[in-house]
């Protein structure tokens, strides 16, 4: 059974802009209430790790947090890479999408979606 961490402070922050965009995507995809937001990392990308951000159902290894009305799923092992990270939504002329500001990253790639730790 997965560990329930709801009520404990989440290790990451979602800005108001990110939350607005995530609510729009959740509604457009007509997802069930059991679908939460998965935040994590995976091996790969030009700097060693890539971020994972998407809607999913809870898995056995997940900690569960509540951020801005969303259930957020994160594997416990990923917290070391994500602690203190802020996810934002940018909608500008030169860049549009989610951005990741990670204090644990020793270096990042030009696209901002991969990092080394």
PDB file of N, CA and C in Angstrom:
ATOM      1  N   UNK A   1       0.843  -1.185   0.000  1.00  0.00           N
ATOM      2  CA  UNK A   1       0.000   0.000   0.000  1.00  0.00           C
ATOM      3  C   UNK A   1       0.883   1.241   0.000  1.00  0.00           C
ATOM      4  N   UNK A   2       0.484   2.252  -0.713  1.00  0.00           N
ATOM      5  CA  UNK A   2       1.249   3.492  -0.806  1.00  0.00           C
ATOM      6  C   UNK A   2       1.124   4.283   0.489  1.00  0.00           C
ATOM      7  N   UNK A   3       2.137   5.043   0.755  1.00  0.00           N
ATOM      8  CA  UNK A   3       2.153   5.889   1.941  1.00  0.00           C
ATOM      9  C   UNK A   3       1.352   7.156   1.656  1.00  0.00           C
ATOM     10  N   UNK A   4       0.482   7.517   2.555  1.00  0.00           N
ATOM     11  CA  UNK A   4      -0.284   8.762   2.431  1.00  0.00           C
ATOM     12  C   UNK A   4       0.448   9.859   3.176  1.00  0.00           C
ATOM     13  N   UNK A   5       0.847  10.891   2.469  1.00  0.00           N
ATOM     14  CA  UNK A   5       1.553  12.012   3.079  1.00  0.00           C
ATOM     15  C   UNK A   5       0.734  13.290   3.019  1.00  0.00           C
ATOM     16  N   UNK A   6      -0.535  13.175   2.691  1.00  0.00           N
ATOM     17  CA  UNK A   6      -1.378  14.356   2.589  1.00  0.00           C
ATOM     18  C   UNK A   6      -1.365  15.066   3.933  1.00  0.00           C
ATOM     19  N   UNK A   7      -1.159  16.366   3.900  1.00  0.00           N
ATOM     20  CA  UNK A   7      -1.075  17.154   5.114  1.00  0.00           C
ATOM     21  C   UNK A   7       0.362  17.495   5.474  1.00  0.00           C
ATOM     22  N   UNK A   8       1.310  16.720   4.961  1.00  0.00           N
ATOM     23  CA  UNK A   8       2.726  17.022   5.150  1.00  0.00           C
ATOM     24  C   UNK A   8       3.127  17.980   4.035  1.00  0.00           C
ATOM     25  N   UNK A   9       4.001  18.930   4.355  1.00  0.00           N
ATOM     26  CA  UNK A   9       4.413  19.910   3.357  1.00  0.00           C
ATOM     27  C   UNK A   9       5.058  19.226   2.162  1.00  0.00           C
ATOM     28  N   UNK A  10       4.608  19.585   0.981  1.00  0.00           N
ATOM     29  CA  UNK A  10       5.122  18.993  -0.248  1.00  0.00           C
ATOM     30  C   UNK A  10       6.559  19.434  -0.505  1.00  0.00           C
ATOM     31  N   UNK A  11       7.378  18.551  -1.075  1.00  0.00           N
ATOM     32  CA  UNK A  11       8.779  18.894  -1.333  1.00  0.00           C
ATOM     33  C   UNK A  11       8.975  19.815  -2.536  1.00  0.00           C
ATOM     34  N   UNK A  12       7.929  20.016  -3.336  1.00  0.00           N
ATOM     35  CA  UNK A  12       8.013  20.902  -4.500  1.00  0.00           C
ATOM     36  C   UNK A  12       6.918  21.952  -4.424  1.00  0.00           C
ATOM     37  N   UNK A  13       7.071  23.020  -5.211  1.00  0.00           N
ATOM     38  CA  UNK A  13       6.087  24.091  -5.252  1.00  0.00           C
ATOM     39  C   UNK A  13       5.568  24.230  -6.680  1.00  0.00           C
ATOM     40  N   UNK A  14       4.268  24.429  -6.816  1.00  0.00           N
ATOM     41  CA  UNK A  14       3.645  24.745  -8.096  1.00  0.00           C
ATOM     42  C   UNK A  14       3.158  26.182  -8.029  1.00  0.00           C
ATOM     43  N   UNK A  15       3.569  27.003  -8.983  1.00  0.00           N
ATOM     44  CA  UNK A  15       3.123  28.398  -8.991  1.00  0.00           C
ATOM     45  C   UNK A  15       1.657  28.464  -9.403  1.00  0.00           C
ATOM     46  N   UNK A  16       1.053  29.639  -9.205  1.00  0.00           N
ATOM     47  CA  UNK A  16      -0.340  29.835  -9.629  1.00  0.00           C
ATOM     48  C   UNK A  16      -0.492  29.602 -11.123  1.00  0.00           C
ATOM     49  N   UNK A  17       0.484  30.049 -11.914  1.00  0.00           N
ATOM     50  CA  UNK A  17       0.435  29.836 -13.364  1.00  0.00           C
ATOM     51  C   UNK A  17       0.458  28.370 -13.729  1.00  0.00           C
ATOM     52  N   UNK A  18       1.301  27.588 -13.050  1.00  0.00           N
ATOM     53  CA  UNK A  18       1.367  26.149 -13.301  1.00  0.00           C
ATOM     54  C   UNK A  18       0.058  25.481 -12.900  1.00  0.00           C
ATOM     55  N   UNK A  19      -0.489  25.862 -11.749  1.00  0.00           N
ATOM     56  CA  UNK A  19      -1.751  25.261 -11.291  1.00  0.00           C
ATOM     57  C   UNK A  19      -2.894  25.561 -12.257  1.00  0.00           C
ATOM     58  N   UNK A  20      -2.955  26.777 -12.763  1.00  0.00           N
ATOM     59  CA  UNK A  20      -4.001  27.148 -13.722  1.00  0.00           C
ATOM     60  C   UNK A  20      -3.911  26.278 -14.972  1.00  0.00           C
ATOM     61  N   UNK A  21      -2.706  26.124 -15.496  1.00  0.00           N
ATOM     62  CA  UNK A  21      -2.517  25.312 -16.700  1.00  0.00           C
ATOM     63  C   UNK A  21      -2.821  23.840 -16.429  1.00  0.00           C
ATOM     64  N   UNK A  22      -2.404  23.324 -15.284  1.00  0.00           N
ATOM     65  CA  UNK A  22      -2.674  21.930 -14.940  1.00  0.00           C
ATOM     66  C   UNK A  22      -4.171  21.674 -14.790  1.00  0.00           C
ATOM     67  N   UNK A  23      -4.899  22.625 -14.210  1.00  0.00           N
ATOM     68  CA  UNK A  23      -6.361  22.469 -14.102  1.00  0.00           C
ATOM     69  C   UNK A  23      -7.001  22.424 -15.490  1.00  0.00           C
ATOM     70  N   UNK A  24      -6.501  23.263 -16.403  1.00  0.00           N
ATOM     71  CA  UNK A  24      -7.026  23.279 -17.770  1.00  0.00           C
ATOM     72  C   UNK A  24      -6.775  21.935 -18.452  1.00  0.00           C
ATOM     73  N   UNK A  25      -5.573  21.420 -18.337  1.00  0.00           N
ATOM     74  CA  UNK A  25      -5.225  20.138 -18.955  1.00  0.00           C
ATOM     75  C   UNK A  25      -6.054  19.010 -18.347  1.00  0.00           C
ATOM     76  N   UNK A  26      -6.201  19.004 -17.030  1.00  0.00           N
ATOM     77  CA  UNK A  26      -6.983  17.968 -16.340  1.00  0.00           C
ATOM     78  C   UNK A  26      -8.419  17.959 -16.853  1.00  0.00           C
ATOM     79  N   UNK A  27      -9.013  19.140 -17.002  1.00  0.00           N
ATOM     80  CA  UNK A  27     -10.390  19.243 -17.487  1.00  0.00           C
ATOM     81  C   UNK A  27     -10.492  18.826 -18.951  1.00  0.00           C
ATOM     82  N   UNK A  28      -9.546  19.274 -19.782  1.00  0.00           N
ATOM     83  CA  UNK A  28      -9.573  18.929 -21.209  1.00  0.00           C
ATOM     84  C   UNK A  28      -9.447  17.434 -21.436  1.00  0.00           C
ATOM     85  N   UNK A  29      -8.671  16.756 -20.602  1.00  0.00           N
ATOM     86  CA  UNK A  29      -8.469  15.320 -20.759  1.00  0.00           C
ATOM     87  C   UNK A  29      -9.547  14.504 -20.060  1.00  0.00           C
ATOM     88  N   UNK A  30     -10.479  15.195 -19.392  1.00  0.00           N
ATOM     89  CA  UNK A  30     -11.614  14.544 -18.741  1.00  0.00           C
ATOM     90  C   UNK A  30     -11.154  13.392 -17.836  1.00  0.00           C
ATOM     91  N   UNK A  31     -10.170  13.679 -16.992  1.00  0.00           N
ATOM     92  CA  UNK A  31      -9.587  12.661 -16.126  1.00  0.00           C
ATOM     93  C   UNK A  31     -10.451  12.433 -14.891  1.00  0.00           C
ATOM     94  N   UNK A  32     -10.376  11.226 -14.360  1.00  0.00           N
ATOM     95  CA  UNK A  32     -11.142  10.880 -13.165  1.00  0.00           C
ATOM     96  C   UNK A  32     -10.501  11.523 -11.935  1.00  0.00           C
ATOM     97  N   UNK A  33     -11.261  11.626 -10.838  1.00  0.00           N
ATOM     98  CA  UNK A  33     -10.714  12.208  -9.605  1.00  0.00           C
ATOM     99  C   UNK A  33      -9.531  11.414  -9.037  1.00  0.00           C
ATOM    100  N   UNK A  34      -9.417  10.134  -9.380  1.00  0.00           N
ATOM    101  CA  UNK A  34      -8.287   9.354  -8.865  1.00  0.00           C
ATOM    102  C   UNK A  34      -6.975   9.665  -9.579  1.00  0.00           C
ATOM    103  N   UNK A  35      -7.042  10.366 -10.696  1.00  0.00           N
ATOM    104  CA  UNK A  35      -5.828  10.791 -11.388  1.00  0.00           C
ATOM    105  C   UNK A  35      -5.244  12.003 -10.676  1.00  0.00           C
ATOM    106  N   UNK A  36      -3.994  11.872 -10.309  1.00  0.00           N
ATOM    107  CA  UNK A  36      -3.274  12.971  -9.690  1.00  0.00           C
ATOM    108  C   UNK A  36      -2.102  13.357 -10.565  1.00  0.00           C
ATOM    109  N   UNK A  37      -1.341  14.298 -10.098  1.00  0.00           N
ATOM    110  CA  UNK A  37      -0.196  14.797 -10.837  1.00  0.00           C
ATOM    111  C   UNK A  37       1.052  14.049 -10.398  1.00  0.00           C
ATOM    112  N   UNK A  38       1.734  13.427 -11.349  1.00  0.00           N
ATOM    113  CA  UNK A  38       2.990  12.735 -11.051  1.00  0.00           C
ATOM    114  C   UNK A  38       4.153  13.676 -11.356  1.00  0.00           C
ATOM    115  N   UNK A  39       5.022  13.849 -10.342  1.00  0.00           N
ATOM    116  CA  UNK A  39       6.243  14.626 -10.493  1.00  0.00           C
ATOM    117  C   UNK A  39       7.392  13.701 -10.139  1.00  0.00           C
ATOM    118  N   UNK A  40       8.377  13.645 -11.017  1.00  0.00           N
ATOM    119  CA  UNK A  40       9.496  12.760 -10.748  1.00  0.00           C
ATOM    120  C   UNK A  40      10.663  13.034 -11.675  1.00  0.00           C
ATOM    121  N   UNK A  41      11.583  12.089 -11.684  1.00  0.00           N
ATOM    122  CA  UNK A  41      12.739  12.151 -12.567  1.00  0.00           C
ATOM    123  C   UNK A  41      12.915  10.790 -13.222  1.00  0.00           C
ATOM    124  N   UNK A  42      13.614  10.787 -14.350  1.00  0.00           N
ATOM    125  CA  UNK A  42      14.000   9.538 -14.991  1.00  0.00           C
ATOM    126  C   UNK A  42      15.367   9.752 -15.625  1.00  0.00           C
ATOM    127  N   UNK A  43      16.093   8.668 -15.790  1.00  0.00           N
ATOM    128  CA  UNK A  43      17.393   8.756 -16.425  1.00  0.00           C
ATOM    129  C   UNK A  43      17.239   9.147 -17.881  1.00  0.00           C
ATOM    130  N   UNK A  44      18.158   9.963 -18.370  1.00  0.00           N
ATOM    131  CA  UNK A  44      18.109  10.368 -19.768  1.00  0.00           C
ATOM    132  C   UNK A  44      18.181  11.874 -19.906  1.00  0.00           C
ATOM    133  N   UNK A  45      18.045  12.320 -21.120  1.00  0.00           N
ATOM    134  CA  UNK A  45      18.176  13.747 -21.388  1.00  0.00           C
ATOM    135  C   UNK A  45      19.635  14.085 -21.575  1.00  0.00           C
ATOM    136  N   UNK A  46      19.910  15.255 -22.072  1.00  0.00           N
ATOM    137  CA  UNK A  46      21.282  15.630 -22.405  1.00  0.00           C
ATOM    138  C   UNK A  46      22.142  15.897 -21.179  1.00  0.00           C
ATOM    139  N   UNK A  47      21.550  16.021 -19.991  1.00  0.00           N
ATOM    140  CA  UNK A  47      22.341  16.294 -18.781  1.00  0.00           C
ATOM    141  C   UNK A  47      22.320  15.145 -17.782  1.00  0.00           C
ATOM    142  N   UNK A  48      21.638  14.037 -18.070  1.00  0.00           N
ATOM    143  CA  UNK A  48      21.653  12.884 -17.174  1.00  0.00           C
ATOM    144  C   UNK A  48      20.304  12.482 -16.625  1.00  0.00           C
ATOM    145  N   UNK A  49      19.477  13.448 -16.227  1.00  0.00           N
ATOM    146  CA  UNK A  49      18.136  13.184 -15.725  1.00  0.00           C
ATOM    147  C   UNK A  49      17.143  14.068 -16.459  1.00  0.00           C
ATOM    148  N   UNK A  50      15.926  13.555 -16.637  1.00  0.00           N
ATOM    149  CA  UNK A  50      14.831  14.354 -17.192  1.00  0.00           C
ATOM    150  C   UNK A  50      13.706  14.403 -16.169  1.00  0.00           C
ATOM    151  N   UNK A  51      12.953  15.486 -16.201  1.00  0.00           N
ATOM    152  CA  UNK A  51      11.806  15.618 -15.308  1.00  0.00           C
ATOM    153  C   UNK A  51      10.613  14.846 -15.855  1.00  0.00           C
ATOM    154  N   UNK A  52       9.803  14.330 -14.939  1.00  0.00           N
ATOM    155  CA  UNK A  52       8.543  13.677 -15.274  1.00  0.00           C
ATOM    156  C   UNK A  52       7.437  14.550 -14.702  1.00  0.00           C
ATOM    157  N   UNK A  53       6.484  14.930 -15.544  1.00  0.00           N
ATOM    158  CA  UNK A  53       5.343  15.733 -15.112  1.00  0.00           C
ATOM    159  C   UNK A  53       4.155  15.298 -15.944  1.00  0.00           C
ATOM    160  N   UNK A  54       3.147  14.717 -15.317  1.00  0.00           N
ATOM    161  CA  UNK A  54       1.967  14.269 -16.045  1.00  0.00           C
ATOM    162  C   UNK A  54       0.947  13.690 -15.092  1.00  0.00           C
ATOM    163  N   UNK A  55      -0.214  13.397 -15.613  1.00  0.00           N
ATOM    164  CA  UNK A  55      -1.287  12.843 -14.791  1.00  0.00           C
ATOM    165  C   UNK A  55      -1.203  11.325 -14.789  1.00  0.00           C
ATOM    166  N   UNK A  56      -1.465  10.742 -13.625  1.00  0.00           N
ATOM    167  CA  UNK A  56      -1.309   9.308 -13.439  1.00  0.00           C
ATOM    168  C   UNK A  56      -2.162   8.890 -12.241  1.00  0.00           C
ATOM    169  N   UNK A  57      -2.243   7.594 -12.016  1.00  0.00           N
ATOM    170  CA  UNK A  57      -2.899   7.067 -10.821  1.00  0.00           C
ATOM    171  C   UNK A  57      -1.816   6.695  -9.820  1.00  0.00           C
ATOM    172  N   UNK A  58      -2.189   6.620  -8.568  1.00  0.00           N
ATOM    173  CA  UNK A  58      -1.239   6.335  -7.501  1.00  0.00           C
ATOM    174  C   UNK A  58      -0.661   4.939  -7.651  1.00  0.00           C
ATOM    175  N   UNK A  59       0.644   4.834  -7.405  1.00  0.00           N
ATOM    176  CA  UNK A  59       1.363   3.557  -7.435  1.00  0.00           C
ATOM    177  C   UNK A  59       1.820   3.213  -6.017  1.00  0.00           C
ATOM    178  N   UNK A  60       2.231   1.991  -5.831  1.00  0.00           N
ATOM    179  CA  UNK A  60       2.571   1.493  -4.505  1.00  0.00           C
ATOM    180  C   UNK A  60       3.716   2.264  -3.846  1.00  0.00           C
ATOM    181  N   UNK A  61       4.716   2.689  -4.605  1.00  0.00           N
ATOM    182  CA  UNK A  61       5.892   3.357  -4.030  1.00  0.00           C
ATOM    183  C   UNK A  61       5.702   4.865  -3.827  1.00  0.00           C
ATOM    184  N   UNK A  62       4.531   5.393  -4.127  1.00  0.00           N
ATOM    185  CA  UNK A  62       4.315   6.838  -4.099  1.00  0.00           C
ATOM    186  C   UNK A  62       4.058   7.392  -2.709  1.00  0.00           C
ATOM    187  N   UNK A  63       4.627   8.568  -2.465  1.00  0.00           N
ATOM    188  CA  UNK A  63       4.154   9.440  -1.401  1.00  0.00           C
ATOM    189  C   UNK A  63       3.099  10.324  -2.061  1.00  0.00           C
ATOM    190  N   UNK A  64       2.116  10.752  -1.298  1.00  0.00           N
ATOM    191  CA  UNK A  64       1.033  11.574  -1.841  1.00  0.00           C
ATOM    192  C   UNK A  64       0.988  12.889  -1.072  1.00  0.00           C
ATOM    193  N   UNK A  65       0.976  13.980  -1.822  1.00  0.00           N
ATOM    194  CA  UNK A  65       0.903  15.315  -1.244  1.00  0.00           C
ATOM    195  C   UNK A  65      -0.274  16.047  -1.868  1.00  0.00           C
ATOM    196  N   UNK A  66      -0.707  17.110  -1.248  1.00  0.00           N
ATOM    197  CA  UNK A  66      -1.757  17.961  -1.809  1.00  0.00           C
ATOM    198  C   UNK A  66      -1.144  19.317  -2.079  1.00  0.00           C
ATOM    199  N   UNK A  67      -1.244  19.753  -3.343  1.00  0.00           N
ATOM    200  CA  UNK A  67      -0.751  21.072  -3.719  1.00  0.00           C
ATOM    201  C   UNK A  67      -1.828  21.751  -4.555  1.00  0.00           C
ATOM    202  N   UNK A  68      -2.365  22.843  -4.075  1.00  0.00           N
ATOM    203  CA  UNK A  68      -3.335  23.621  -4.837  1.00  0.00           C
ATOM    204  C   UNK A  68      -4.558  22.834  -5.272  1.00  0.00           C
ATOM    205  N   UNK A  69      -4.992  21.888  -4.458  1.00  0.00           N
ATOM    206  CA  UNK A  69      -6.165  21.088  -4.792  1.00  0.00           C
ATOM    207  C   UNK A  69      -5.854  19.835  -5.598  1.00  0.00           C
ATOM    208  N   UNK A  70      -4.605  19.632  -5.973  1.00  0.00           N
ATOM    209  CA  UNK A  70      -4.204  18.431  -6.713  1.00  0.00           C
ATOM    210  C   UNK A  70      -3.583  17.418  -5.769  1.00  0.00           C
ATOM    211  N   UNK A  71      -3.911  16.146  -5.993  1.00  0.00           N
ATOM    212  CA  UNK A  71      -3.127  15.090  -5.384  1.00  0.00           C
ATOM    213  C   UNK A  71      -1.855  14.999  -6.211  1.00  0.00           C
ATOM    214  N   UNK A  72      -0.707  15.018  -5.555  1.00  0.00           N
ATOM    215  CA  UNK A  72       0.573  14.936  -6.234  1.00  0.00           C
ATOM    216  C   UNK A  72       1.254  13.647  -5.802  1.00  0.00           C
ATOM    217  N   UNK A  73       1.631  12.830  -6.788  1.00  0.00           N
ATOM    218  CA  UNK A  73       2.299  11.561  -6.539  1.00  0.00           C
ATOM    219  C   UNK A  73       3.785  11.708  -6.829  1.00  0.00           C
ATOM    220  N   UNK A  74       4.606  11.214  -5.906  1.00  0.00           N
ATOM    221  CA  UNK A  74       6.052  11.273  -6.095  1.00  0.00           C
ATOM    222  C   UNK A  74       6.674  10.046  -5.435  1.00  0.00           C
ATOM    223  N   UNK A  75       7.518   9.357  -6.186  1.00  0.00           N
ATOM    224  CA  UNK A  75       8.246   8.252  -5.581  1.00  0.00           C
ATOM    225  C   UNK A  75       9.203   8.795  -4.531  1.00  0.00           C
ATOM    226  N   UNK A  76       9.240   8.131  -3.398  1.00  0.00           N
ATOM    227  CA  UNK A  76      10.075   8.575  -2.280  1.00  0.00           C
ATOM    228  C   UNK A  76      11.528   8.769  -2.706  1.00  0.00           C
ATOM    229  N   UNK A  77      12.040   7.894  -3.553  1.00  0.00           N
ATOM    230  CA  UNK A  77      13.440   7.952  -3.990  1.00  0.00           C
ATOM    231  C   UNK A  77      13.739   9.191  -4.835  1.00  0.00           C
ATOM    232  N   UNK A  78      12.720   9.825  -5.409  1.00  0.00           N
ATOM    233  CA  UNK A  78      12.934  10.995  -6.262  1.00  0.00           C
ATOM    234  C   UNK A  78      13.068  12.288  -5.463  1.00  0.00           C
ATOM    235  N   UNK A  79      12.666  12.273  -4.208  1.00  0.00           N
ATOM    236  CA  UNK A  79      12.659  13.498  -3.396  1.00  0.00           C
ATOM    237  C   UNK A  79      14.043  14.123  -3.284  1.00  0.00           C
ATOM    238  N   UNK A  80      15.092  13.327  -3.231  1.00  0.00           N
ATOM    239  CA  UNK A  80      16.447  13.870  -3.108  1.00  0.00           C
ATOM    240  C   UNK A  80      16.795  14.772  -4.291  1.00  0.00           C
ATOM    241  N   UNK A  81      16.230  14.494  -5.466  1.00  0.00           N
ATOM    242  CA  UNK A  81      16.500  15.285  -6.667  1.00  0.00           C
ATOM    243  C   UNK A  81      15.556  16.477  -6.816  1.00  0.00           C
ATOM    244  N   UNK A  82      14.419  16.436  -6.130  1.00  0.00           N
ATOM    245  CA  UNK A  82      13.364  17.423  -6.372  1.00  0.00           C
ATOM    246  C   UNK A  82      13.083  18.358  -5.206  1.00  0.00           C
ATOM    247  N   UNK A  83      13.645  18.095  -4.052  1.00  0.00           N
ATOM    248  CA  UNK A  83      13.365  18.894  -2.859  1.00  0.00           C
ATOM    249  C   UNK A  83      13.649  20.374  -3.109  1.00  0.00           C
ATOM    250  N   UNK A  84      12.639  21.206  -2.916  1.00  0.00           N
ATOM    251  CA  UNK A  84      12.776  22.646  -3.093  1.00  0.00           C
ATOM    252  C   UNK A  84      12.527  23.140  -4.510  1.00  0.00           C
ATOM    253  N   UNK A  85      12.203  22.245  -5.430  1.00  0.00           N
ATOM    254  CA  UNK A  85      11.987  22.644  -6.820  1.00  0.00           C
ATOM    255  C   UNK A  85      10.671  23.418  -6.978  1.00  0.00           C
ATOM    256  N   UNK A  86      10.681  24.381  -7.905  1.00  0.00           N
ATOM    257  CA  UNK A  86       9.481  25.139  -8.239  1.00  0.00           C
ATOM    258  C   UNK A  86       9.142  24.891  -9.710  1.00  0.00           C
ATOM    259  N   UNK A  87       7.886  24.563  -9.961  1.00  0.00           N
ATOM    260  CA  UNK A  87       7.396  24.356 -11.323  1.00  0.00           C
ATOM    261  C   UNK A  87       6.492  25.521 -11.672  1.00  0.00           C
ATOM    262  N   UNK A  88       6.752  26.135 -12.809  1.00  0.00           N
ATOM    263  CA  UNK A  88       5.997  27.300 -13.262  1.00  0.00           C
ATOM    264  C   UNK A  88       5.521  27.053 -14.691  1.00  0.00           C
ATOM    265  N   UNK A  89       4.605  27.882 -15.147  1.00  0.00           N
ATOM    266  CA  UNK A  89       4.133  27.870 -16.527  1.00  0.00           C
ATOM    267  C   UNK A  89       4.520  29.199 -17.156  1.00  0.00           C
ATOM    268  N   UNK A  90       5.195  29.148 -18.299  1.00  0.00           N
ATOM    269  CA  UNK A  90       5.617  30.333 -19.030  1.00  0.00           C
ATOM    270  C   UNK A  90       4.851  30.368 -20.341  1.00  0.00           C
ATOM    271  N   UNK A  91       4.307  31.522 -20.671  1.00  0.00           N
ATOM    272  CA  UNK A  91       3.560  31.681 -21.925  1.00  0.00           C
ATOM    273  C   UNK A  91       4.026  32.971 -22.593  1.00  0.00           C
ATOM    274  N   UNK A  92       5.234  32.917 -23.167  1.00  0.00           N
ATOM    275  CA  UNK A  92       5.822  34.103 -23.771  1.00  0.00           C
ATOM    276  C   UNK A  92       6.055  33.912 -25.260  1.00  0.00           C
ATOM    277  N   UNK A  93       6.635  34.910 -25.873  1.00  0.00           N
ATOM    278  CA  UNK A  93       6.908  34.861 -27.307  1.00  0.00           C
ATOM    279  C   UNK A  93       7.964  33.824 -27.662  1.00  0.00           C
ATOM    280  N   UNK A  94       9.000  33.706 -26.833  1.00  0.00           N
ATOM    281  CA  UNK A  94      10.106  32.801 -27.140  1.00  0.00           C
ATOM    282  C   UNK A  94      10.012  31.444 -26.462  1.00  0.00           C
ATOM    283  N   UNK A  95       9.157  31.325 -25.470  1.00  0.00           N
ATOM    284  CA  UNK A  95       9.096  30.086 -24.711  1.00  0.00           C
ATOM    285  C   UNK A  95       7.684  29.888 -24.180  1.00  0.00           C
ATOM    286  N   UNK A  96       7.180  28.664 -24.308  1.00  0.00           N
ATOM    287  CA  UNK A  96       5.866  28.338 -23.783  1.00  0.00           C
ATOM    288  C   UNK A  96       5.918  26.933 -23.218  1.00  0.00           C
ATOM    289  N   UNK A  97       5.554  26.791 -21.959  1.00  0.00           N
ATOM    290  CA  UNK A  97       5.541  25.475 -21.337  1.00  0.00           C
ATOM    291  C   UNK A  97       5.906  25.544 -19.869  1.00  0.00           C
ATOM    292  N   UNK A  98       6.014  24.364 -19.276  1.00  0.00           N
ATOM    293  CA  UNK A  98       6.376  24.275 -17.870  1.00  0.00           C
ATOM    294  C   UNK A  98       7.878  24.475 -17.726  1.00  0.00           C
ATOM    295  N   UNK A  99       8.260  25.199 -16.683  1.00  0.00           N
ATOM    296  CA  UNK A  99       9.668  25.398 -16.377  1.00  0.00           C
ATOM    297  C   UNK A  99       9.954  24.805 -14.997  1.00  0.00           C
ATOM    298  N   UNK A 100      11.180  24.354 -14.814  1.00  0.00           N
ATOM    299  CA  UNK A 100      11.592  23.697 -13.585  1.00  0.00           C
ATOM    300  C   UNK A 100      12.784  24.440 -12.998  1.00  0.00           C
ATOM    301  N   UNK A 101      12.595  25.011 -11.824  1.00  0.00           N
ATOM    302  CA  UNK A 101      13.678  25.685 -11.128  1.00  0.00           C
ATOM    303  C   UNK A 101      14.090  24.787  -9.967  1.00  0.00           C
ATOM    304  N   UNK A 102      15.234  24.101 -10.141  1.00  0.00           N
ATOM    305  CA  UNK A 102      15.643  23.067  -9.211  1.00  0.00           C
ATOM    306  C   UNK A 102      16.949  23.451  -8.516  1.00  0.00           C
ATOM    307  N   UNK A 103      16.908  23.717  -7.202  1.00  0.00           N
ATOM    308  CA  UNK A 103      18.130  24.090  -6.486  1.00  0.00           C
ATOM    309  C   UNK A 103      19.123  22.939  -6.348  1.00  0.00           C
ATOM    310  N   UNK A 104      18.697  21.704  -6.633  1.00  0.00           N
ATOM    311  CA  UNK A 104      19.573  20.539  -6.514  1.00  0.00           C
ATOM    312  C   UNK A 104      20.354  20.255  -7.787  1.00  0.00           C
ATOM    313  N   UNK A 105      20.000  20.910  -8.878  1.00  0.00           N
ATOM    314  CA  UNK A 105      20.658  20.658 -10.158  1.00  0.00           C
ATOM    315  C   UNK A 105      22.033  21.317 -10.181  1.00  0.00           C
ATOM    316  N   UNK A 106      23.062  20.530 -10.477  1.00  0.00           N
ATOM    317  CA  UNK A 106      24.410  21.082 -10.605  1.00  0.00           C
ATOM    318  C   UNK A 106      24.582  21.748 -11.960  1.00  0.00           C
ATOM    319  N   UNK A 107      23.889  21.229 -12.964  1.00  0.00           N
ATOM    320  CA  UNK A 107      23.874  21.862 -14.284  1.00  0.00           C
ATOM    321  C   UNK A 107      22.587  21.461 -14.978  1.00  0.00           C
ATOM    322  N   UNK A 108      22.159  22.288 -15.931  1.00  0.00           N
ATOM    323  CA  UNK A 108      20.960  21.994 -16.703  1.00  0.00           C
ATOM    324  C   UNK A 108      21.284  22.131 -18.179  1.00  0.00           C
ATOM    325  N   UNK A 109      20.404  21.583 -19.002  1.00  0.00           N
ATOM    326  CA  UNK A 109      20.604  21.702 -20.443  1.00  0.00           C
ATOM    327  C   UNK A 109      19.962  22.995 -20.932  1.00  0.00           C
ATOM    328  N   UNK A 110      20.178  23.321 -22.175  1.00  0.00           N
ATOM    329  CA  UNK A 110      19.622  24.538 -22.759  1.00  0.00           C
ATOM    330  C   UNK A 110      18.108  24.553 -22.789  1.00  0.00           C
ATOM    331  N   UNK A 111      17.475  23.377 -22.933  1.00  0.00           N
ATOM    332  CA  UNK A 111      16.015  23.337 -23.010  1.00  0.00           C
ATOM    333  C   UNK A 111      15.361  23.403 -21.635  1.00  0.00           C
ATOM    334  N   UNK A 112      16.133  23.176 -20.574  1.00  0.00           N
ATOM    335  CA  UNK A 112      15.599  23.286 -19.207  1.00  0.00           C
ATOM    336  C   UNK A 112      14.806  22.097 -18.729  1.00  0.00           C
ATOM    337  N   UNK A 113      14.808  20.997 -19.500  1.00  0.00           N
ATOM    338  CA  UNK A 113      14.032  19.824 -19.076  1.00  0.00           C
ATOM    339  C   UNK A 113      14.906  18.680 -18.601  1.00  0.00           C
ATOM    340  N   UNK A 114      16.227  18.840 -18.626  1.00  0.00           N
ATOM    341  CA  UNK A 114      17.097  17.823 -18.043  1.00  0.00           C
ATOM    342  C   UNK A 114      18.162  18.503 -17.202  1.00  0.00           C
ATOM    343  N   UNK A 115      18.760  17.708 -16.305  1.00  0.00           N
ATOM    344  CA  UNK A 115      19.717  18.271 -15.351  1.00  0.00           C
ATOM    345  C   UNK A 115      20.667  17.181 -14.887  1.00  0.00           C
ATOM    346  N   UNK A 116      21.744  17.591 -14.248  1.00  0.00           N
ATOM    347  CA  UNK A 116      22.628  16.651 -13.572  1.00  0.00           C
ATOM    348  C   UNK A 116      22.628  16.991 -12.088  1.00  0.00           C
ATOM    349  N   UNK A 117      22.840  15.969 -11.286  1.00  0.00           N
ATOM    350  CA  UNK A 117      22.804  16.165  -9.823  1.00  0.00           C
ATOM    351  C   UNK A 117      24.119  15.735  -9.206  1.00  0.00           C
TER     352      UNK A 117
END
